[in-house]
Amino acid sequence: MVAPLIAGLAIAAVAYGSRYGVQAWQAFKARPPSVRMHKFYEGGFQPKMNRREAALILGVRESVQADKVREAHRKVMVANHPDAGGSHYLASKINEAKDTLLGQTKSSGSVF
């Protein structure tokens, strides 16, 4: 007498769980795609690079130590070096960001 009741409750639980799973999957598929990573710098470059933009390009804080700036510059430059298929423009901006954070700014901006 108890066994059919437990079996019926188990079947009902599986049916409700499956229904919820199907509805959740349909809602997940129907939502618009969104960018989930906001770690990288988004947007164009400023006419004259400031410390904030330089820090965003290299992925460090504005008040970072010089050795950390050089380490971050090396990592970003390896990924974007013109000899490895990167852009000359991006390489110049990465170098400009390093110079800005290290206080070695030149009077003129980027070569481009």
PDB file of N, CA and C in Angstrom:
ATOM      1  N   MET A   1       0.819  -1.188   0.000  1.00  0.00           N
ATOM      2  CA  MET A   1       0.000   0.000   0.000  1.00  0.00           C
ATOM      3  C   MET A   1       0.873   1.267   0.000  1.00  0.00           C
ATOM      4  N   VAL A   2       1.984   1.255   0.726  1.00  0.00           N
ATOM      5  CA  VAL A   2       2.856   2.420   0.824  1.00  0.00           C
ATOM      6  C   VAL A   2       3.766   2.519  -0.401  1.00  0.00           C
ATOM      7  N   ALA A   3       4.178   1.382  -0.956  1.00  0.00           N
ATOM      8  CA  ALA A   3       5.094   1.363  -2.095  1.00  0.00           C
ATOM      9  C   ALA A   3       4.522   2.097  -3.307  1.00  0.00           C
ATOM     10  N   PRO A   4       3.265   1.900  -3.705  1.00  0.00           N
ATOM     11  CA  PRO A   4       2.738   2.646  -4.857  1.00  0.00           C
ATOM     12  C   PRO A   4       2.669   4.158  -4.593  1.00  0.00           C
ATOM     13  N   LEU A   5       2.417   4.528  -3.351  1.00  0.00           N
ATOM     14  CA  LEU A   5       2.371   5.944  -3.001  1.00  0.00           C
ATOM     15  C   LEU A   5       3.757   6.584  -3.159  1.00  0.00           C
ATOM     16  N   ILE A   6       4.782   5.900  -2.669  1.00  0.00           N
ATOM     17  CA  ILE A   6       6.158   6.421  -2.786  1.00  0.00           C
ATOM     18  C   ILE A   6       6.574   6.473  -4.251  1.00  0.00           C
ATOM     19  N   ALA A   7       6.223   5.449  -5.021  1.00  0.00           N
ATOM     20  CA  ALA A   7       6.541   5.431  -6.449  1.00  0.00           C
ATOM     21  C   ALA A   7       5.837   6.577  -7.175  1.00  0.00           C
ATOM     22  N   GLY A   8       4.602   6.840  -6.844  1.00  0.00           N
ATOM     23  CA  GLY A   8       3.853   7.934  -7.460  1.00  0.00           C
ATOM     24  C   GLY A   8       4.454   9.286  -7.119  1.00  0.00           C
ATOM     25  N   LEU A   9       4.870   9.472  -5.859  1.00  0.00           N
ATOM     26  CA  LEU A   9       5.517  10.728  -5.458  1.00  0.00           C
ATOM     27  C   LEU A   9       6.860  10.916  -6.167  1.00  0.00           C
ATOM     28  N   ALA A  10       7.602   9.821  -6.331  1.00  0.00           N
ATOM     29  CA  ALA A  10       8.891   9.901  -7.025  1.00  0.00           C
ATOM     30  C   ALA A  10       8.689  10.281  -8.486  1.00  0.00           C
ATOM     31  N   ILE A  11       7.696   9.685  -9.135  1.00  0.00           N
ATOM     32  CA  ILE A  11       7.416  10.018 -10.541  1.00  0.00           C
ATOM     33  C   ILE A  11       6.970  11.471 -10.666  1.00  0.00           C
ATOM     34  N   ALA A  12       6.153  11.940  -9.744  1.00  0.00           N
ATOM     35  CA  ALA A  12       5.705  13.329  -9.780  1.00  0.00           C
ATOM     36  C   ALA A  12       6.879  14.286  -9.580  1.00  0.00           C
ATOM     37  N   ALA A  13       7.784  13.937  -8.665  1.00  0.00           N
ATOM     38  CA  ALA A  13       8.952  14.790  -8.421  1.00  0.00           C
ATOM     39  C   ALA A  13       9.838  14.860  -9.660  1.00  0.00           C
ATOM     40  N   VAL A  14      10.044  13.749 -10.323  1.00  0.00           N
ATOM     41  CA  VAL A  14      10.849  13.725 -11.543  1.00  0.00           C
ATOM     42  C   VAL A  14      10.164  14.540 -12.639  1.00  0.00           C
ATOM     43  N   ALA A  15       8.856  14.432 -12.753  1.00  0.00           N
ATOM     44  CA  ALA A  15       8.122  15.179 -13.777  1.00  0.00           C
ATOM     45  C   ALA A  15       8.221  16.686 -13.532  1.00  0.00           C
ATOM     46  N   TYR A  16       8.027  17.129 -12.288  1.00  0.00           N
ATOM     47  CA  TYR A  16       8.138  18.552 -11.982  1.00  0.00           C
ATOM     48  C   TYR A  16       9.571  19.061 -12.168  1.00  0.00           C
ATOM     49  N   GLY A  17      10.536  18.252 -11.770  1.00  0.00           N
ATOM     50  CA  GLY A  17      11.937  18.636 -11.963  1.00  0.00           C
ATOM     51  C   GLY A  17      12.300  18.764 -13.428  1.00  0.00           C
ATOM     52  N   SER A  18      11.824  17.826 -14.228  1.00  0.00           N
ATOM     53  CA  SER A  18      12.082  17.879 -15.667  1.00  0.00           C
ATOM     54  C   SER A  18      11.422  19.088 -16.298  1.00  0.00           C
ATOM     55  N   ARG A  19      10.210  19.365 -15.876  1.00  0.00           N
ATOM     56  CA  ARG A  19       9.493  20.529 -16.404  1.00  0.00           C
ATOM     57  C   ARG A  19      10.255  21.809 -16.087  1.00  0.00           C
ATOM     58  N   TYR A  20      10.730  21.940 -14.838  1.00  0.00           N
ATOM     59  CA  TYR A  20      11.500  23.116 -14.445  1.00  0.00           C
ATOM     60  C   TYR A  20      12.802  23.204 -15.249  1.00  0.00           C
ATOM     61  N   GLY A  21      13.449  22.057 -15.457  1.00  0.00           N
ATOM     62  CA  GLY A  21      14.690  22.041 -16.233  1.00  0.00           C
ATOM     63  C   GLY A  21      14.486  22.487 -17.669  1.00  0.00           C
ATOM     64  N   VAL A  22      13.405  22.035 -18.302  1.00  0.00           N
ATOM     65  CA  VAL A  22      13.108  22.428 -19.685  1.00  0.00           C
ATOM     66  C   VAL A  22      12.806  23.924 -19.757  1.00  0.00           C
ATOM     67  N   GLN A  23      12.025  24.436 -18.818  1.00  0.00           N
ATOM     68  CA  GLN A  23      11.712  25.865 -18.800  1.00  0.00           C
ATOM     69  C   GLN A  23      12.967  26.707 -18.576  1.00  0.00           C
ATOM     70  N   ALA A  24      13.838  26.271 -17.678  1.00  0.00           N
ATOM     71  CA  ALA A  24      15.074  27.002 -17.421  1.00  0.00           C
ATOM     72  C   ALA A  24      15.964  27.000 -18.650  1.00  0.00           C
ATOM     73  N   TRP A  25      16.047  25.872 -19.347  1.00  0.00           N
ATOM     74  CA  TRP A  25      16.865  25.790 -20.554  1.00  0.00           C
ATOM     75  C   TRP A  25      16.323  26.704 -21.653  1.00  0.00           C
ATOM     76  N   GLN A  26      15.016  26.743 -21.833  1.00  0.00           N
ATOM     77  CA  GLN A  26      14.420  27.614 -22.840  1.00  0.00           C
ATOM     78  C   GLN A  26      14.643  29.084 -22.499  1.00  0.00           C
ATOM     79  N   ALA A  27      14.542  29.443 -21.231  1.00  0.00           N
ATOM     80  CA  ALA A  27      14.807  30.826 -20.822  1.00  0.00           C
ATOM     81  C   ALA A  27      16.275  31.176 -21.041  1.00  0.00           C
ATOM     82  N   PHE A  28      17.171  30.236 -20.791  1.00  0.00           N
ATOM     83  CA  PHE A  28      18.601  30.466 -20.991  1.00  0.00           C
ATOM     84  C   PHE A  28      18.911  30.682 -22.466  1.00  0.00           C
ATOM     85  N   LYS A  29      18.310  29.878 -23.335  1.00  0.00           N
ATOM     86  CA  LYS A  29      18.546  30.019 -24.769  1.00  0.00           C
ATOM     87  C   LYS A  29      17.927  31.288 -25.332  1.00  0.00           C
ATOM     88  N   ALA A  30      16.841  31.771 -24.741  1.00  0.00           N
ATOM     89  CA  ALA A  30      16.119  32.922 -25.282  1.00  0.00           C
ATOM     90  C   ALA A  30      16.769  34.252 -24.903  1.00  0.00           C
ATOM     91  N   ARG A  31      17.609  34.273 -23.872  1.00  0.00           N
ATOM     92  CA  ARG A  31      18.191  35.552 -23.455  1.00  0.00           C
ATOM     93  C   ARG A  31      19.221  36.022 -24.466  1.00  0.00           C
ATOM     94  N   PRO A  32      19.378  37.334 -24.607  1.00  0.00           N
ATOM     95  CA  PRO A  32      20.334  37.850 -25.592  1.00  0.00           C
ATOM     96  C   PRO A  32      21.769  37.582 -25.137  1.00  0.00           C
ATOM     97  N   PRO A  33      22.657  37.365 -26.089  1.00  0.00           N
ATOM     98  CA  PRO A  33      24.057  37.133 -25.710  1.00  0.00           C
ATOM     99  C   PRO A  33      24.655  38.397 -25.109  1.00  0.00           C
ATOM    100  N   SER A  34      25.463  38.217 -24.110  1.00  0.00           N
ATOM    101  CA  SER A  34      26.098  39.366 -23.471  1.00  0.00           C
ATOM    102  C   SER A  34      27.571  39.067 -23.237  1.00  0.00           C
ATOM    103  N   VAL A  35      28.337  40.121 -23.199  1.00  0.00           N
ATOM    104  CA  VAL A  35      29.757  39.987 -22.917  1.00  0.00           C
ATOM    105  C   VAL A  35      29.916  39.798 -21.417  1.00  0.00           C
ATOM    106  N   ARG A  36      30.593  38.759 -21.034  1.00  0.00           N
ATOM    107  CA  ARG A  36      30.728  38.465 -19.619  1.00  0.00           C
ATOM    108  C   ARG A  36      32.055  38.922 -19.055  1.00  0.00           C
ATOM    109  N   MET A  37      33.020  39.264 -19.907  1.00  0.00           N
ATOM    110  CA  MET A  37      34.319  39.688 -19.424  1.00  0.00           C
ATOM    111  C   MET A  37      34.443  41.196 -19.537  1.00  0.00           C
ATOM    112  N   HIS A  38      34.714  41.828 -18.454  1.00  0.00           N
ATOM    113  CA  HIS A  38      34.950  43.265 -18.447  1.00  0.00           C
ATOM    114  C   HIS A  38      36.347  43.546 -17.937  1.00  0.00           C
ATOM    115  N   LYS A  39      37.240  42.572 -18.112  1.00  0.00           N
ATOM    116  CA  LYS A  39      38.581  42.702 -17.577  1.00  0.00           C
ATOM    117  C   LYS A  39      39.448  43.585 -18.461  1.00  0.00           C
ATOM    118  N   PHE A  40      39.202  43.591 -19.752  1.00  0.00           N
ATOM    119  CA  PHE A  40      40.072  44.284 -20.665  1.00  0.00           C
ATOM    120  C   PHE A  40      39.570  45.689 -20.969  1.00  0.00           C
ATOM    121  N   TYR A  41      40.457  46.510 -21.429  1.00  0.00           N
ATOM    122  CA  TYR A  41      40.171  47.901 -21.762  1.00  0.00           C
ATOM    123  C   TYR A  41      39.239  47.953 -22.957  1.00  0.00           C
ATOM    124  N   GLU A  42      38.140  48.642 -22.801  1.00  0.00           N
ATOM    125  CA  GLU A  42      37.180  48.784 -23.887  1.00  0.00           C
ATOM    126  C   GLU A  42      37.193  50.224 -24.378  1.00  0.00           C
ATOM    127  N   GLY A  43      37.172  50.408 -25.658  1.00  0.00           N
ATOM    128  CA  GLY A  43      37.067  51.750 -26.209  1.00  0.00           C
ATOM    129  C   GLY A  43      38.332  52.192 -26.910  1.00  0.00           C
ATOM    130  N   GLY A  44      38.260  53.351 -27.523  1.00  0.00           N
ATOM    131  CA  GLY A  44      39.385  53.892 -28.259  1.00  0.00           C
ATOM    132  C   GLY A  44      40.404  54.552 -27.353  1.00  0.00           C
ATOM    133  N   PHE A  45      41.435  55.087 -27.970  1.00  0.00           N
ATOM    134  CA  PHE A  45      42.511  55.729 -27.234  1.00  0.00           C
ATOM    135  C   PHE A  45      42.262  57.231 -27.129  1.00  0.00           C
ATOM    136  N   GLN A  46      42.743  57.822 -26.050  1.00  0.00           N
ATOM    137  CA  GLN A  46      42.658  59.265 -25.862  1.00  0.00           C
ATOM    138  C   GLN A  46      43.700  59.942 -26.766  1.00  0.00           C
ATOM    139  N   PRO A  47      43.483  61.213 -27.133  1.00  0.00           N
ATOM    140  CA  PRO A  47      44.485  61.901 -27.961  1.00  0.00           C
ATOM    141  C   PRO A  47      45.847  61.989 -27.267  1.00  0.00           C
ATOM    142  N   LYS A  48      45.850  62.252 -25.959  1.00  0.00           N
ATOM    143  CA  LYS A  48      47.091  62.265 -25.182  1.00  0.00           C
ATOM    144  C   LYS A  48      46.902  61.272 -24.046  1.00  0.00           C
ATOM    145  N   MET A  49      47.767  60.286 -23.980  1.00  0.00           N
ATOM    146  CA  MET A  49      47.595  59.219 -22.997  1.00  0.00           C
ATOM    147  C   MET A  49      47.855  59.731 -21.582  1.00  0.00           C
ATOM    148  N   ASN A  50      46.951  59.373 -20.671  1.00  0.00           N
ATOM    149  CA  ASN A  50      47.143  59.707 -19.256  1.00  0.00           C
ATOM    150  C   ASN A  50      47.446  58.425 -18.481  1.00  0.00           C
ATOM    151  N   ARG A  51      47.715  58.561 -17.191  1.00  0.00           N
ATOM    152  CA  ARG A  51      48.099  57.406 -16.373  1.00  0.00           C
ATOM    153  C   ARG A  51      46.974  56.377 -16.268  1.00  0.00           C
ATOM    154  N   ARG A  52      45.742  56.848 -16.213  1.00  0.00           N
ATOM    155  CA  ARG A  52      44.612  55.925 -16.099  1.00  0.00           C
ATOM    156  C   ARG A  52      44.512  55.045 -17.336  1.00  0.00           C
ATOM    157  N   GLU A  53      44.591  55.657 -18.514  1.00  0.00           N
ATOM    158  CA  GLU A  53      44.511  54.890 -19.749  1.00  0.00           C
ATOM    159  C   GLU A  53      45.706  53.941 -19.883  1.00  0.00           C
ATOM    160  N   ALA A  54      46.880  54.400 -19.499  1.00  0.00           N
ATOM    161  CA  ALA A  54      48.070  53.550 -19.569  1.00  0.00           C
ATOM    162  C   ALA A  54      47.927  52.334 -18.657  1.00  0.00           C
ATOM    163  N   ALA A  55      47.386  52.556 -17.468  1.00  0.00           N
ATOM    164  CA  ALA A  55      47.182  51.445 -16.536  1.00  0.00           C
ATOM    165  C   ALA A  55      46.149  50.464 -17.079  1.00  0.00           C
ATOM    166  N   LEU A  56      45.102  50.962 -17.719  1.00  0.00           N
ATOM    167  CA  LEU A  56      44.096  50.078 -18.306  1.00  0.00           C
ATOM    168  C   LEU A  56      44.674  49.244 -19.450  1.00  0.00           C
ATOM    169  N   ILE A  57      45.519  49.840 -20.255  1.00  0.00           N
ATOM    170  CA  ILE A  57      46.114  49.127 -21.382  1.00  0.00           C
ATOM    171  C   ILE A  57      47.008  47.993 -20.889  1.00  0.00           C
ATOM    172  N   LEU A  58      47.803  48.268 -19.859  1.00  0.00           N
ATOM    173  CA  LEU A  58      48.722  47.249 -19.348  1.00  0.00           C
ATOM    174  C   LEU A  58      48.076  46.315 -18.337  1.00  0.00           C
ATOM    175  N   GLY A  59      46.882  46.661 -17.863  1.00  0.00           N
ATOM    176  CA  GLY A  59      46.189  45.795 -16.916  1.00  0.00           C
ATOM    177  C   GLY A  59      46.753  45.860 -15.513  1.00  0.00           C
ATOM    178  N   VAL A  60      47.225  47.034 -15.106  1.00  0.00           N
ATOM    179  CA  VAL A  60      47.771  47.228 -13.758  1.00  0.00           C
ATOM    180  C   VAL A  60      47.095  48.429 -13.113  1.00  0.00           C
ATOM    181  N   ARG A  61      47.412  48.661 -11.858  1.00  0.00           N
ATOM    182  CA  ARG A  61      46.903  49.856 -11.177  1.00  0.00           C
ATOM    183  C   ARG A  61      47.764  51.065 -11.532  1.00  0.00           C
ATOM    184  N   GLU A  62      47.211  52.254 -11.332  1.00  0.00           N
ATOM    185  CA  GLU A  62      47.960  53.476 -11.643  1.00  0.00           C
ATOM    186  C   GLU A  62      49.169  53.650 -10.734  1.00  0.00           C
ATOM    187  N   SER A  63      49.085  53.169  -9.507  1.00  0.00           N
ATOM    188  CA  SER A  63      50.157  53.377  -8.533  1.00  0.00           C
ATOM    189  C   SER A  63      51.022  52.127  -8.378  1.00  0.00           C
ATOM    190  N   VAL A  64      51.287  51.449  -9.460  1.00  0.00           N
ATOM    191  CA  VAL A  64      52.044  50.203  -9.419  1.00  0.00           C
ATOM    192  C   VAL A  64      53.547  50.497  -9.447  1.00  0.00           C
ATOM    193  N   GLN A  65      54.333  49.545  -8.931  1.00  0.00           N
ATOM    194  CA  GLN A  65      55.788  49.704  -8.918  1.00  0.00           C
ATOM    195  C   GLN A  65      56.350  49.514 -10.322  1.00  0.00           C
ATOM    196  N   ALA A  66      57.549  50.047 -10.546  1.00  0.00           N
ATOM    197  CA  ALA A  66      58.156  50.026 -11.875  1.00  0.00           C
ATOM    198  C   ALA A  66      58.404  48.606 -12.379  1.00  0.00           C
ATOM    199  N   ASP A  67      58.820  47.690 -11.509  1.00  0.00           N
ATOM    200  CA  ASP A  67      59.084  46.328 -11.978  1.00  0.00           C
ATOM    201  C   ASP A  67      57.805  45.619 -12.419  1.00  0.00           C
ATOM    202  N   LYS A  68      56.687  45.937 -11.769  1.00  0.00           N
ATOM    203  CA  LYS A  68      55.398  45.359 -12.181  1.00  0.00           C
ATOM    204  C   LYS A  68      54.955  45.936 -13.518  1.00  0.00           C
ATOM    205  N   VAL A  69      55.262  47.207 -13.764  1.00  0.00           N
ATOM    206  CA  VAL A  69      54.940  47.831 -15.054  1.00  0.00           C
ATOM    207  C   VAL A  69      55.712  47.134 -16.166  1.00  0.00           C
ATOM    208  N   ARG A  70      57.002  46.905 -15.920  1.00  0.00           N
ATOM    209  CA  ARG A  70      57.825  46.252 -16.941  1.00  0.00           C
ATOM    210  C   ARG A  70      57.355  44.821 -17.199  1.00  0.00           C
ATOM    211  N   GLU A  71      56.968  44.118 -16.149  1.00  0.00           N
ATOM    212  CA  GLU A  71      56.474  42.748 -16.292  1.00  0.00           C
ATOM    213  C   GLU A  71      55.162  42.709 -17.084  1.00  0.00           C
ATOM    214  N   ALA A  72      54.237  43.621 -16.762  1.00  0.00           N
ATOM    215  CA  ALA A  72      52.964  43.685 -17.480  1.00  0.00           C
ATOM    216  C   ALA A  72      53.198  44.091 -18.936  1.00  0.00           C
ATOM    217  N   HIS A  73      54.127  45.032 -19.160  1.00  0.00           N
ATOM    218  CA  HIS A  73      54.446  45.464 -20.521  1.00  0.00           C
ATOM    219  C   HIS A  73      54.968  44.287 -21.331  1.00  0.00           C
ATOM    220  N   ARG A  74      55.828  43.498 -20.741  1.00  0.00           N
ATOM    221  CA  ARG A  74      56.398  42.348 -21.443  1.00  0.00           C
ATOM    222  C   ARG A  74      55.297  41.356 -21.838  1.00  0.00           C
ATOM    223  N   LYS A  75      54.369  41.073 -20.917  1.00  0.00           N
ATOM    224  CA  LYS A  75      53.296  40.114 -21.205  1.00  0.00           C
ATOM    225  C   LYS A  75      52.380  40.616 -22.319  1.00  0.00           C
ATOM    226  N   VAL A  76      52.001  41.885 -22.247  1.00  0.00           N
ATOM    227  CA  VAL A  76      51.095  42.437 -23.261  1.00  0.00           C
ATOM    228  C   VAL A  76      51.802  42.554 -24.603  1.00  0.00           C
ATOM    229  N   MET A  77      53.089  42.912 -24.569  1.00  0.00           N
ATOM    230  CA  MET A  77      53.830  43.077 -25.818  1.00  0.00           C
ATOM    231  C   MET A  77      54.063  41.730 -26.511  1.00  0.00           C
ATOM    232  N   VAL A  78      54.280  40.679 -25.742  1.00  0.00           N
ATOM    233  CA  VAL A  78      54.450  39.350 -26.348  1.00  0.00           C
ATOM    234  C   VAL A  78      53.189  38.960 -27.119  1.00  0.00           C
ATOM    235  N   ALA A  79      52.038  39.280 -26.569  1.00  0.00           N
ATOM    236  CA  ALA A  79      50.776  38.927 -27.219  1.00  0.00           C
ATOM    237  C   ALA A  79      50.470  39.804 -28.426  1.00  0.00           C
ATOM    238  N   ASN A  80      51.024  41.012 -28.480  1.00  0.00           N
ATOM    239  CA  ASN A  80      50.666  41.963 -29.545  1.00  0.00           C
ATOM    240  C   ASN A  80      51.847  42.437 -30.375  1.00  0.00           C
ATOM    241  N   HIS A  81      52.968  41.744 -30.323  1.00  0.00           N
ATOM    242  CA  HIS A  81      54.162  42.198 -31.044  1.00  0.00           C
ATOM    243  C   HIS A  81      53.957  42.067 -32.554  1.00  0.00           C
ATOM    244  N   PRO A  82      54.404  43.057 -33.322  1.00  0.00           N
ATOM    245  CA  PRO A  82      54.220  43.013 -34.782  1.00  0.00           C
ATOM    246  C   PRO A  82      54.889  41.803 -35.439  1.00  0.00           C
ATOM    247  N   ASP A  83      55.999  41.320 -34.902  1.00  0.00           N
ATOM    248  CA  ASP A  83      56.665  40.158 -35.481  1.00  0.00           C
ATOM    249  C   ASP A  83      55.866  38.874 -35.269  1.00  0.00           C
ATOM    250  N   ALA A  84      54.949  38.895 -34.312  1.00  0.00           N
ATOM    251  CA  ALA A  84      54.125  37.719 -34.032  1.00  0.00           C
ATOM    252  C   ALA A  84      52.707  37.896 -34.580  1.00  0.00           C
ATOM    253  N   GLY A  85      52.534  38.815 -35.513  1.00  0.00           N
ATOM    254  CA  GLY A  85      51.231  39.015 -36.134  1.00  0.00           C
ATOM    255  C   GLY A  85      50.414  40.129 -35.500  1.00  0.00           C
ATOM    256  N   GLY A  86      50.989  40.865 -34.575  1.00  0.00           N
ATOM    257  CA  GLY A  86      50.289  41.971 -33.936  1.00  0.00           C
ATOM    258  C   GLY A  86      50.353  43.236 -34.772  1.00  0.00           C
ATOM    259  N   SER A  87      49.798  44.282 -34.231  1.00  0.00           N
ATOM    260  CA  SER A  87      49.715  45.557 -34.941  1.00  0.00           C
ATOM    261  C   SER A  87      50.842  46.498 -34.496  1.00  0.00           C
ATOM    262  N   HIS A  88      51.407  47.220 -35.455  1.00  0.00           N
ATOM    263  CA  HIS A  88      52.417  48.230 -35.120  1.00  0.00           C
ATOM    264  C   HIS A  88      51.803  49.341 -34.272  1.00  0.00           C
ATOM    265  N   TYR A  89      50.566  49.686 -34.578  1.00  0.00           N
ATOM    266  CA  TYR A  89      49.877  50.735 -33.834  1.00  0.00           C
ATOM    267  C   TYR A  89      49.681  50.331 -32.374  1.00  0.00           C
ATOM    268  N   LEU A  90      49.189  49.105 -32.142  1.00  0.00           N
ATOM    269  CA  LEU A  90      48.996  48.649 -30.769  1.00  0.00           C
ATOM    270  C   LEU A  90      50.327  48.548 -30.030  1.00  0.00           C
ATOM    271  N   ALA A  91      51.361  48.096 -30.718  1.00  0.00           N
ATOM    272  CA  ALA A  91      52.677  48.000 -30.080  1.00  0.00           C
ATOM    273  C   ALA A  91      53.172  49.382 -29.658  1.00  0.00           C
ATOM    274  N   SER A  92      52.928  50.388 -30.489  1.00  0.00           N
ATOM    275  CA  SER A  92      53.361  51.740 -30.115  1.00  0.00           C
ATOM    276  C   SER A  92      52.550  52.266 -28.933  1.00  0.00           C
ATOM    277  N   LYS A  93      51.264  51.939 -28.880  1.00  0.00           N
ATOM    278  CA  LYS A  93      50.435  52.365 -27.750  1.00  0.00           C
ATOM    279  C   LYS A  93      50.843  51.645 -26.462  1.00  0.00           C
ATOM    280  N   ILE A  94      51.203  50.374 -26.566  1.00  0.00           N
ATOM    281  CA  ILE A  94      51.659  49.631 -25.393  1.00  0.00           C
ATOM    282  C   ILE A  94      52.962  50.225 -24.876  1.00  0.00           C
ATOM    283  N   ASN A  95      53.870  50.556 -25.786  1.00  0.00           N
ATOM    284  CA  ASN A  95      55.124  51.196 -25.375  1.00  0.00           C
ATOM    285  C   ASN A  95      54.872  52.569 -24.756  1.00  0.00           C
ATOM    286  N   GLU A  96      53.935  53.303 -25.336  1.00  0.00           N
ATOM    287  CA  GLU A  96      53.581  54.623 -24.793  1.00  0.00           C
ATOM    288  C   GLU A  96      52.981  54.482 -23.400  1.00  0.00           C
ATOM    289  N   ALA A  97      52.187  53.441 -23.179  1.00  0.00           N
ATOM    290  CA  ALA A  97      51.609  53.204 -21.856  1.00  0.00           C
ATOM    291  C   ALA A  97      52.695  52.913 -20.838  1.00  0.00           C
ATOM    292  N   LYS A  98      53.670  52.095 -21.208  1.00  0.00           N
ATOM    293  CA  LYS A  98      54.784  51.804 -20.301  1.00  0.00           C
ATOM    294  C   LYS A  98      55.559  53.080 -19.977  1.00  0.00           C
ATOM    295  N   ASP A  99      55.857  53.869 -21.008  1.00  0.00           N
ATOM    296  CA  ASP A  99      56.594  55.113 -20.788  1.00  0.00           C
ATOM    297  C   ASP A  99      55.816  56.082 -19.903  1.00  0.00           C
ATOM    298  N   THR A 100      54.503  56.139 -20.078  1.00  0.00           N
ATOM    299  CA  THR A 100      53.675  57.034 -19.273  1.00  0.00           C
ATOM    300  C   THR A 100      53.703  56.618 -17.801  1.00  0.00           C
ATOM    301  N   LEU A 101      53.575  55.330 -17.533  1.00  0.00           N
ATOM    302  CA  LEU A 101      53.566  54.870 -16.147  1.00  0.00           C
ATOM    303  C   LEU A 101      54.939  54.966 -15.498  1.00  0.00           C
ATOM    304  N   LEU A 102      55.991  54.855 -16.294  1.00  0.00           N
ATOM    305  CA  LEU A 102      57.339  54.970 -15.738  1.00  0.00           C
ATOM    306  C   LEU A 102      57.824  56.410 -15.693  1.00  0.00           C
ATOM    307  N   GLY A 103      57.029  57.337 -16.198  1.00  0.00           N
ATOM    308  CA  GLY A 103      57.400  58.749 -16.180  1.00  0.00           C
ATOM    309  C   GLY A 103      58.405  59.121 -17.238  1.00  0.00           C
ATOM    310  N   GLN A 104      58.450  58.360 -18.316  1.00  0.00           N
ATOM    311  CA  GLN A 104      59.410  58.624 -19.384  1.00  0.00           C
ATOM    312  C   GLN A 104      58.708  59.155 -20.632  1.00  0.00           C
ATOM    313  N   THR A 105      57.693  59.985 -20.439  1.00  0.00           N
ATOM    314  CA  THR A 105      56.918  60.471 -21.583  1.00  0.00           C
ATOM    315  C   THR A 105      57.759  61.380 -22.448  1.00  0.00           C
ATOM    316  N   LYS A 106      57.514  61.263 -23.721  1.00  0.00           N
ATOM    317  CA  LYS A 106      58.193  62.121 -24.686  1.00  0.00           C
ATOM    318  C   LYS A 106      57.275  63.281 -25.028  1.00  0.00           C
ATOM    319  N   SER A 107      57.804  64.317 -25.618  1.00  0.00           N
ATOM    320  CA  SER A 107      56.976  65.493 -25.927  1.00  0.00           C
ATOM    321  C   SER A 107      55.928  65.180 -26.976  1.00  0.00           C
ATOM    322  N   SER A 108      56.251  64.305 -27.909  1.00  0.00           N
ATOM    323  CA  SER A 108      55.252  63.940 -28.933  1.00  0.00           C
ATOM    324  C   SER A 108      54.554  62.672 -28.515  1.00  0.00           C
ATOM    325  N   GLY A 109      53.396  62.445 -29.065  1.00  0.00           N
ATOM    326  CA  GLY A 109      52.609  61.258 -28.744  1.00  0.00           C
ATOM    327  C   GLY A 109      53.056  60.071 -29.576  1.00  0.00           C
ATOM    328  N   SER A 110      52.118  59.264 -29.968  1.00  0.00           N
ATOM    329  CA  SER A 110      52.403  58.084 -30.764  1.00  0.00           C
ATOM    330  C   SER A 110      52.871  58.471 -32.155  1.00  0.00           C
ATOM    331  N   VAL A 111      53.631  57.584 -32.782  1.00  0.00           N
ATOM    332  CA  VAL A 111      54.095  57.858 -34.127  1.00  0.00           C
ATOM    333  C   VAL A 111      52.939  57.838 -35.117  1.00  0.00           C
ATOM    334  N   PHE A 112      51.857  57.207 -34.747  1.00  0.00           N
ATOM    335  CA  PHE A 112      50.732  57.090 -35.678  1.00  0.00           C
ATOM    336  C   PHE A 112      49.790  58.196 -35.456  1.00  0.00           C
TER     337      PHE A 112
END
